Amino acid sequence: MLSKCLLSVIVLVVCSFASQSAEAQSSQQPFPAQSQRPDQTKPLEDKSIQAAPQHEPTAAEMSKKETVASALLRGLQYQEYEVRSAAEAMPEENYGYRPAEGRFKNEKPQFGPAEVRTFAEQVKHVACSNFAFAAELDGQKPPEACDKGGPSPAKTKKELLIYLRDSFAAIRKSLGAIDAKNMFDPIEGPYAGPNTRLGLATVIVWHNADHSGQMVLYLRENNIVPPASRPNPPEVKDIY
């Protein structure tokens, strides 16, 4: 009888010890399986560094490196994004969209078409104008009749996107050549002339802003959120 009681006590003690050991092991993090282990030959990514926002220069920091060209190009870059991203966002089947179709045909404006431009005409007008402004800044002959469409044969969405992309490349180069010594040089030409180099540069930024505002309405009327208004604005493309 005593041996049976002793045996029962021993069994209870062993079971209790085993239970405590299992609980202790379960409280520890298990070592990952081989397939889950990080590659020991490569340093682990520091995601905290990647997630850190990029430093935006303060006004004081910016003023130390500012030039006439950098100030102008900074203003232009916002308009370039808005115009080019809007042109990319509009489906090709809507490039022929014109607000108030059929109205205002009897208008006779000094510049531009009687009716509101189609979306394609907006894109083409901005591109032609950019090339025209760049030509004037560079002392070359600008393309004719940019207010009526200009000489470019670009017609499809892809052709117009390339035309627009190249026009901004041209105007960035011309604005980048403006400095404190030449910014008041006289500029002659049919587009915003007579003017000074700096004065024409301000017209360029304004003109792109003007048409980007119009293009935004075209997108909204076709139930498309303009890329610049989205939570995560997409980047514009370099190749089409």
C-alpha atoms as a PDB file:
ATOM      1  CA  MET A   1       0.000   0.000   0.000  1.00  0.00           C
ATOM      2  CA  LEU A   2       2.830   2.380   0.895  1.00  0.00           C
ATOM      3  CA  SER A   3       4.747   1.593  -2.296  1.00  0.00           C
ATOM      4  CA  LYS A   4       1.672   2.413  -4.370  1.00  0.00           C
ATOM      5  CA  CYS A   5       1.296   5.805  -2.634  1.00  0.00           C
ATOM      6  CA  LEU A   6       5.002   6.531  -3.119  1.00  0.00           C
ATOM      7  CA  LEU A   7       4.734   5.608  -6.786  1.00  0.00           C
ATOM      8  CA  SER A   8       1.783   7.959  -7.200  1.00  0.00           C
ATOM      9  CA  VAL A   9       3.693  10.831  -5.604  1.00  0.00           C
ATOM     10  CA  ILE A  10       6.686  10.231  -7.899  1.00  0.00           C
ATOM     11  CA  VAL A  11       4.405  10.221 -10.968  1.00  0.00           C
ATOM     12  CA  LEU A  12       2.810  13.510  -9.905  1.00  0.00           C
ATOM     13  CA  VAL A  13       6.224  15.135  -9.343  1.00  0.00           C
ATOM     14  CA  VAL A  14       7.535  13.982 -12.731  1.00  0.00           C
ATOM     15  CA  CYS A  15       4.399  15.197 -14.536  1.00  0.00           C
ATOM     16  CA  SER A  16       4.607  18.575 -12.808  1.00  0.00           C
ATOM     17  CA  PHE A  17       8.277  18.990 -13.745  1.00  0.00           C
ATOM     18  CA  ALA A  18       7.576  18.033 -17.347  1.00  0.00           C
ATOM     19  CA  SER A  19       4.737  20.521 -17.552  1.00  0.00           C
ATOM     20  CA  GLN A  20       6.887  23.350 -16.160  1.00  0.00           C
ATOM     21  CA  SER A  21       9.667  22.527 -18.624  1.00  0.00           C
ATOM     22  CA  ALA A  22       7.274  22.580 -21.574  1.00  0.00           C
ATOM     23  CA  GLU A  23       5.860  25.945 -20.510  1.00  0.00           C
ATOM     24  CA  ALA A  24       9.350  27.418 -20.209  1.00  0.00           C
ATOM     25  CA  GLN A  25      10.272  26.228 -23.695  1.00  0.00           C
ATOM     26  CA  SER A  26       7.051  27.523 -25.199  1.00  0.00           C
ATOM     27  CA  SER A  27       7.678  31.011 -23.737  1.00  0.00           C
ATOM     28  CA  GLN A  28      10.921  31.315 -25.736  1.00  0.00           C
ATOM     29  CA  GLN A  29      10.952  32.407 -29.395  1.00  0.00           C
ATOM     30  CA  PRO A  30      11.534  29.352 -31.586  1.00  0.00           C
ATOM     31  CA  PHE A  31      14.635  29.464 -33.770  1.00  0.00           C
ATOM     32  CA  PRO A  32      13.590  30.023 -37.373  1.00  0.00           C
ATOM     33  CA  ALA A  33      13.700  27.204 -39.822  1.00  0.00           C
ATOM     34  CA  GLN A  34      16.600  27.232 -42.266  1.00  0.00           C
ATOM     35  CA  SER A  35      14.411  28.639 -45.030  1.00  0.00           C
ATOM     36  CA  GLN A  36      13.358  31.525 -42.778  1.00  0.00           C
ATOM     37  CA  ARG A  37      16.793  32.552 -41.600  1.00  0.00           C
ATOM     38  CA  PRO A  38      18.298  35.721 -43.032  1.00  0.00           C
ATOM     39  CA  ASP A  39      21.294  35.347 -45.297  1.00  0.00           C
ATOM     40  CA  GLN A  40      24.200  35.650 -42.890  1.00  0.00           C
ATOM     41  CA  THR A  41      26.522  36.821 -45.677  1.00  0.00           C
ATOM     42  CA  LYS A  42      24.543  40.046 -46.203  1.00  0.00           C
ATOM     43  CA  PRO A  43      23.782  42.825 -43.721  1.00  0.00           C
ATOM     44  CA  LEU A  44      20.162  43.173 -42.707  1.00  0.00           C
ATOM     45  CA  GLU A  45      18.254  46.073 -44.211  1.00  0.00           C
ATOM     46  CA  ASP A  46      17.851  49.054 -41.945  1.00  0.00           C
ATOM     47  CA  LYS A  47      14.245  49.811 -42.774  1.00  0.00           C
ATOM     48  CA  SER A  48      14.190  52.733 -40.377  1.00  0.00           C
ATOM     49  CA  ILE A  49      16.662  54.523 -42.640  1.00  0.00           C
ATOM     50  CA  GLN A  50      14.692  53.740 -45.781  1.00  0.00           C
ATOM     51  CA  ALA A  51      11.470  54.948 -44.230  1.00  0.00           C
ATOM     52  CA  ALA A  52      12.966  58.236 -43.084  1.00  0.00           C
ATOM     53  CA  PRO A  53      11.649  61.179 -45.123  1.00  0.00           C
ATOM     54  CA  GLN A  54      14.088  63.023 -47.339  1.00  0.00           C
ATOM     55  CA  HIS A  55      15.435  66.248 -45.940  1.00  0.00           C
ATOM     56  CA  GLU A  56      13.822  69.305 -47.467  1.00  0.00           C
ATOM     57  CA  PRO A  57      16.221  72.256 -47.516  1.00  0.00           C
ATOM     58  CA  THR A  58      15.295  75.235 -45.412  1.00  0.00           C
ATOM     59  CA  ALA A  59      15.021  78.683 -46.954  1.00  0.00           C
ATOM     60  CA  ALA A  60      18.393  79.569 -45.433  1.00  0.00           C
ATOM     61  CA  GLU A  61      20.033  76.471 -46.904  1.00  0.00           C
ATOM     62  CA  MET A  62      18.404  77.081 -50.275  1.00  0.00           C
ATOM     63  CA  SER A  63      19.544  80.696 -50.428  1.00  0.00           C
ATOM     64  CA  LYS A  64      23.197  79.665 -50.168  1.00  0.00           C
ATOM     65  CA  LYS A  65      23.027  77.754 -53.458  1.00  0.00           C
ATOM     66  CA  GLU A  66      20.255  79.613 -55.268  1.00  0.00           C
ATOM     67  CA  THR A  67      20.788  80.914 -58.793  1.00  0.00           C
ATOM     68  CA  VAL A  68      18.455  82.584 -61.252  1.00  0.00           C
ATOM     69  CA  ALA A  69      18.216  79.330 -63.200  1.00  0.00           C
ATOM     70  CA  SER A  70      17.528  77.142 -60.155  1.00  0.00           C
ATOM     71  CA  ALA A  71      14.709  79.423 -59.013  1.00  0.00           C
ATOM     72  CA  LEU A  72      13.077  79.349 -62.447  1.00  0.00           C
ATOM     73  CA  LEU A  73      13.504  75.602 -62.894  1.00  0.00           C
ATOM     74  CA  ARG A  74      12.046  74.919 -59.453  1.00  0.00           C
ATOM     75  CA  GLY A  75       8.920  76.810 -60.434  1.00  0.00           C
ATOM     76  CA  LEU A  76       8.702  75.037 -63.781  1.00  0.00           C
ATOM     77  CA  GLN A  77       9.074  71.527 -62.406  1.00  0.00           C
ATOM     78  CA  TYR A  78       5.684  71.639 -60.680  1.00  0.00           C
ATOM     79  CA  GLN A  79       3.969  72.702 -63.873  1.00  0.00           C
ATOM     80  CA  GLU A  80       5.805  70.098 -65.923  1.00  0.00           C
ATOM     81  CA  TYR A  81       4.572  67.362 -63.624  1.00  0.00           C
ATOM     82  CA  GLU A  82       0.989  68.588 -63.655  1.00  0.00           C
ATOM     83  CA  VAL A  83       0.849  68.944 -67.442  1.00  0.00           C
ATOM     84  CA  ARG A  84       2.651  65.725 -68.348  1.00  0.00           C
ATOM     85  CA  SER A  85       0.934  63.572 -65.721  1.00  0.00           C
ATOM     86  CA  ALA A  86      -2.463  64.869 -66.844  1.00  0.00           C
ATOM     87  CA  ALA A  87      -1.602  64.036 -70.449  1.00  0.00           C
ATOM     88  CA  GLU A  88      -0.609  60.513 -69.408  1.00  0.00           C
ATOM     89  CA  ALA A  89      -3.714  59.997 -67.279  1.00  0.00           C
ATOM     90  CA  MET A  90      -6.264  60.824 -69.976  1.00  0.00           C
ATOM     91  CA  PRO A  91      -7.210  57.699 -71.999  1.00  0.00           C
ATOM     92  CA  GLU A  92      -6.518  57.992 -75.705  1.00  0.00           C
ATOM     93  CA  GLU A  93     -10.193  57.577 -76.547  1.00  0.00           C
ATOM     94  CA  ASN A  94     -10.849  60.809 -74.617  1.00  0.00           C
ATOM     95  CA  TYR A  95      -8.133  62.864 -76.305  1.00  0.00           C
ATOM     96  CA  GLY A  96     -10.777  64.234 -78.653  1.00  0.00           C
ATOM     97  CA  TYR A  97     -12.949  65.417 -75.754  1.00  0.00           C
ATOM     98  CA  ARG A  98     -13.981  69.069 -75.992  1.00  0.00           C
ATOM     99  CA  PRO A  99     -16.069  70.807 -73.293  1.00  0.00           C
ATOM    100  CA  ALA A 100     -19.184  72.573 -74.641  1.00  0.00           C
ATOM    101  CA  GLU A 101     -18.902  70.803 -77.979  1.00  0.00           C
ATOM    102  CA  GLY A 102     -20.570  72.731 -80.780  1.00  0.00           C
ATOM    103  CA  ARG A 103     -20.814  76.011 -78.898  1.00  0.00           C
ATOM    104  CA  PHE A 104     -19.005  79.308 -79.426  1.00  0.00           C
ATOM    105  CA  LYS A 105     -18.387  78.568 -83.120  1.00  0.00           C
ATOM    106  CA  ASN A 106     -19.168  82.151 -84.026  1.00  0.00           C
ATOM    107  CA  GLU A 107     -16.576  83.593 -81.671  1.00  0.00           C
ATOM    108  CA  LYS A 108     -13.611  85.293 -83.314  1.00  0.00           C
ATOM    109  CA  PRO A 109     -10.803  85.463 -80.732  1.00  0.00           C
ATOM    110  CA  GLN A 110      -7.546  87.209 -81.562  1.00  0.00           C
ATOM    111  CA  PHE A 111      -5.629  84.065 -80.636  1.00  0.00           C
ATOM    112  CA  GLY A 112      -6.608  80.428 -80.461  1.00  0.00           C
ATOM    113  CA  PRO A 113      -9.619  78.529 -81.824  1.00  0.00           C
ATOM    114  CA  ALA A 114     -13.214  79.725 -81.610  1.00  0.00           C
ATOM    115  CA  GLU A 115     -14.297  76.717 -79.581  1.00  0.00           C
ATOM    116  CA  VAL A 116     -12.613  75.384 -76.474  1.00  0.00           C
ATOM    117  CA  ARG A 117      -9.658  73.170 -77.441  1.00  0.00           C
ATOM    118  CA  THR A 118      -9.922  69.399 -77.361  1.00  0.00           C
ATOM    119  CA  PHE A 119      -7.684  67.677 -74.845  1.00  0.00           C
ATOM    120  CA  ALA A 120      -5.306  66.683 -77.640  1.00  0.00           C
ATOM    121  CA  GLU A 121      -5.190  70.297 -78.793  1.00  0.00           C
ATOM    122  CA  GLN A 122      -4.347  71.399 -75.255  1.00  0.00           C
ATOM    123  CA  VAL A 123      -1.373  69.017 -75.151  1.00  0.00           C
ATOM    124  CA  LYS A 124      -0.195  70.040 -78.597  1.00  0.00           C
ATOM    125  CA  HIS A 125      -0.534  73.749 -77.852  1.00  0.00           C
ATOM    126  CA  VAL A 126       1.542  73.505 -74.678  1.00  0.00           C
ATOM    127  CA  ALA A 127       4.256  71.502 -76.434  1.00  0.00           C
ATOM    128  CA  CYS A 128       4.439  73.855 -79.409  1.00  0.00           C
ATOM    129  CA  SER A 129       4.531  76.884 -77.105  1.00  0.00           C
ATOM    130  CA  ASN A 130       7.366  75.430 -75.031  1.00  0.00           C
ATOM    131  CA  PHE A 131       9.428  74.891 -78.181  1.00  0.00           C
ATOM    132  CA  ALA A 132       8.563  78.427 -79.328  1.00  0.00           C
ATOM    133  CA  PHE A 133       9.594  80.014 -76.035  1.00  0.00           C
ATOM    134  CA  ALA A 134      12.818  77.990 -76.008  1.00  0.00           C
ATOM    135  CA  ALA A 135      13.635  79.115 -79.535  1.00  0.00           C
ATOM    136  CA  GLU A 136      13.141  82.758 -78.613  1.00  0.00           C
ATOM    137  CA  LEU A 137      15.373  82.407 -75.565  1.00  0.00           C
ATOM    138  CA  ASP A 138      18.021  80.743 -77.722  1.00  0.00           C
ATOM    139  CA  GLY A 139      17.838  83.357 -80.474  1.00  0.00           C
ATOM    140  CA  GLN A 140      16.307  80.975 -83.017  1.00  0.00           C
ATOM    141  CA  LYS A 141      13.181  81.144 -85.163  1.00  0.00           C
ATOM    142  CA  PRO A 142      10.183  79.708 -83.267  1.00  0.00           C
ATOM    143  CA  PRO A 143       7.539  77.452 -84.855  1.00  0.00           C
ATOM    144  CA  GLU A 144       4.584  79.290 -86.334  1.00  0.00           C
ATOM    145  CA  ALA A 145       0.941  79.346 -85.277  1.00  0.00           C
ATOM    146  CA  CYS A 146       1.250  77.529 -81.954  1.00  0.00           C
ATOM    147  CA  ASP A 147      -2.117  79.030 -80.976  1.00  0.00           C
ATOM    148  CA  LYS A 148      -3.688  77.155 -83.923  1.00  0.00           C
ATOM    149  CA  GLY A 149      -1.881  73.845 -83.396  1.00  0.00           C
ATOM    150  CA  GLY A 150       1.544  74.542 -84.843  1.00  0.00           C
ATOM    151  CA  PRO A 151       3.472  72.645 -87.511  1.00  0.00           C
ATOM    152  CA  SER A 152       4.062  69.345 -85.680  1.00  0.00           C
ATOM    153  CA  PRO A 153       2.340  66.288 -87.241  1.00  0.00           C
ATOM    154  CA  ALA A 154       1.915  64.660 -83.796  1.00  0.00           C
ATOM    155  CA  LYS A 155      -1.600  63.233 -83.576  1.00  0.00           C
ATOM    156  CA  THR A 156      -1.885  60.044 -81.510  1.00  0.00           C
ATOM    157  CA  LYS A 157      -1.573  60.026 -77.725  1.00  0.00           C
ATOM    158  CA  LYS A 158       1.902  58.467 -77.906  1.00  0.00           C
ATOM    159  CA  GLU A 159       3.093  61.018 -80.451  1.00  0.00           C
ATOM    160  CA  LEU A 160       1.726  63.890 -78.408  1.00  0.00           C
ATOM    161  CA  LEU A 161       3.278  62.585 -75.172  1.00  0.00           C
ATOM    162  CA  ILE A 162       6.677  62.399 -76.858  1.00  0.00           C
ATOM    163  CA  TYR A 163       6.205  65.882 -78.326  1.00  0.00           C
ATOM    164  CA  LEU A 164       5.266  67.231 -74.890  1.00  0.00           C
ATOM    165  CA  ARG A 165       8.146  65.458 -73.120  1.00  0.00           C
ATOM    166  CA  ASP A 166      10.691  66.811 -75.591  1.00  0.00           C
ATOM    167  CA  SER A 167       9.281  70.334 -75.322  1.00  0.00           C
ATOM    168  CA  PHE A 168       9.891  70.408 -71.584  1.00  0.00           C
ATOM    169  CA  ALA A 169      13.438  69.134 -72.106  1.00  0.00           C
ATOM    170  CA  ALA A 170      14.013  72.032 -74.510  1.00  0.00           C
ATOM    171  CA  ILE A 171      12.568  74.663 -72.208  1.00  0.00           C
ATOM    172  CA  ARG A 172      14.512  73.367 -69.182  1.00  0.00           C
ATOM    173  CA  LYS A 173      17.738  73.741 -71.155  1.00  0.00           C
ATOM    174  CA  SER A 174      16.889  77.309 -72.156  1.00  0.00           C
ATOM    175  CA  LEU A 175      15.844  78.351 -68.645  1.00  0.00           C
ATOM    176  CA  GLY A 176      18.970  76.730 -67.237  1.00  0.00           C
ATOM    177  CA  ALA A 177      21.096  79.131 -69.285  1.00  0.00           C
ATOM    178  CA  ILE A 178      19.628  82.239 -67.636  1.00  0.00           C
ATOM    179  CA  ASP A 179      21.907  83.905 -65.097  1.00  0.00           C
ATOM    180  CA  ALA A 180      22.371  87.216 -63.329  1.00  0.00           C
ATOM    181  CA  LYS A 181      24.365  88.613 -66.252  1.00  0.00           C
ATOM    182  CA  ASN A 182      21.920  87.891 -69.088  1.00  0.00           C
ATOM    183  CA  MET A 183      18.510  87.832 -67.390  1.00  0.00           C
ATOM    184  CA  PHE A 184      17.663  91.351 -68.589  1.00  0.00           C
ATOM    185  CA  ASP A 185      18.774  90.769 -72.190  1.00  0.00           C
ATOM    186  CA  PRO A 186      16.123  91.775 -74.737  1.00  0.00           C
ATOM    187  CA  ILE A 187      14.038  89.020 -76.331  1.00  0.00           C
ATOM    188  CA  GLU A 188      12.138  89.584 -79.560  1.00  0.00           C
ATOM    189  CA  GLY A 189       9.560  87.288 -81.088  1.00  0.00           C
ATOM    190  CA  PRO A 190       5.858  86.671 -81.680  1.00  0.00           C
ATOM    191  CA  TYR A 191       5.399  84.761 -78.432  1.00  0.00           C
ATOM    192  CA  ALA A 192       5.277  87.107 -75.402  1.00  0.00           C
ATOM    193  CA  GLY A 193       7.674  89.495 -77.094  1.00  0.00           C
ATOM    194  CA  PRO A 194       9.093  92.047 -76.898  1.00  0.00           C
ATOM    195  CA  ASN A 195      10.390  91.050 -73.523  1.00  0.00           C
ATOM    196  CA  THR A 196      13.472  90.387 -71.419  1.00  0.00           C
ATOM    197  CA  ARG A 197      14.910  86.963 -70.817  1.00  0.00           C
ATOM    198  CA  LEU A 198      13.646  86.970 -67.220  1.00  0.00           C
ATOM    199  CA  GLY A 199      10.270  88.362 -68.220  1.00  0.00           C
ATOM    200  CA  LEU A 200       9.776  85.626 -70.822  1.00  0.00           C
ATOM    201  CA  ALA A 201      10.763  83.006 -68.241  1.00  0.00           C
ATOM    202  CA  THR A 202       7.918  84.123 -65.974  1.00  0.00           C
ATOM    203  CA  VAL A 203       5.516  83.885 -68.926  1.00  0.00           C
ATOM    204  CA  ILE A 204       6.649  80.295 -69.534  1.00  0.00           C
ATOM    205  CA  VAL A 205       5.839  79.221 -65.976  1.00  0.00           C
ATOM    206  CA  TRP A 206       2.514  81.073 -66.086  1.00  0.00           C
ATOM    207  CA  HIS A 207       1.533  79.611 -69.475  1.00  0.00           C
ATOM    208  CA  ASN A 208       2.084  76.022 -68.354  1.00  0.00           C
ATOM    209  CA  ALA A 209       0.186  76.673 -65.129  1.00  0.00           C
ATOM    210  CA  ASP A 210      -2.698  78.162 -67.091  1.00  0.00           C
ATOM    211  CA  HIS A 211      -3.114  75.112 -69.304  1.00  0.00           C
ATOM    212  CA  SER A 212      -2.499  72.569 -66.567  1.00  0.00           C
ATOM    213  CA  GLY A 213      -5.481  74.122 -64.760  1.00  0.00           C
ATOM    214  CA  GLN A 214      -7.619  73.645 -67.850  1.00  0.00           C
ATOM    215  CA  MET A 215      -6.456  70.059 -68.346  1.00  0.00           C
ATOM    216  CA  VAL A 216      -7.399  69.223 -64.762  1.00  0.00           C
ATOM    217  CA  LEU A 217     -11.008  70.173 -65.531  1.00  0.00           C
ATOM    218  CA  TYR A 218     -10.992  67.957 -68.617  1.00  0.00           C
ATOM    219  CA  LEU A 219      -9.896  65.019 -66.435  1.00  0.00           C
ATOM    220  CA  ARG A 220     -12.503  65.726 -63.755  1.00  0.00           C
ATOM    221  CA  GLU A 221     -15.261  65.950 -66.343  1.00  0.00           C
ATOM    222  CA  ASN A 222     -14.251  62.460 -67.484  1.00  0.00           C
ATOM    223  CA  ASN A 223     -14.281  61.103 -63.904  1.00  0.00           C
ATOM    224  CA  ILE A 224     -10.493  60.928 -63.668  1.00  0.00           C
ATOM    225  CA  VAL A 225      -8.673  62.182 -60.580  1.00  0.00           C
ATOM    226  CA  PRO A 226      -5.677  64.276 -61.712  1.00  0.00           C
ATOM    227  CA  PRO A 227      -2.427  62.523 -60.719  1.00  0.00           C
ATOM    228  CA  ALA A 228      -1.236  65.598 -58.790  1.00  0.00           C
ATOM    229  CA  SER A 229      -4.334  65.330 -56.567  1.00  0.00           C
ATOM    230  CA  ARG A 230      -3.878  61.647 -55.683  1.00  0.00           C
ATOM    231  CA  PRO A 231      -2.506  60.458 -52.311  1.00  0.00           C
ATOM    232  CA  ASN A 232       0.485  58.846 -54.057  1.00  0.00           C
ATOM    233  CA  PRO A 233       1.089  60.754 -57.296  1.00  0.00           C
ATOM    234  CA  PRO A 234       2.636  58.487 -59.950  1.00  0.00           C
ATOM    235  CA  GLU A 235       5.869  59.464 -61.641  1.00  0.00           C
ATOM    236  CA  VAL A 236       5.770  60.597 -65.243  1.00  0.00           C
ATOM    237  CA  LYS A 237       7.364  58.334 -67.825  1.00  0.00           C
ATOM    238  CA  ASP A 238      10.531  58.955 -69.790  1.00  0.00           C
ATOM    239  CA  ILE A 239       9.826  56.408 -72.522  1.00  0.00           C
ATOM    240  CA  TYR A 240       6.528  55.905 -74.347  1.00  0.00           C
END
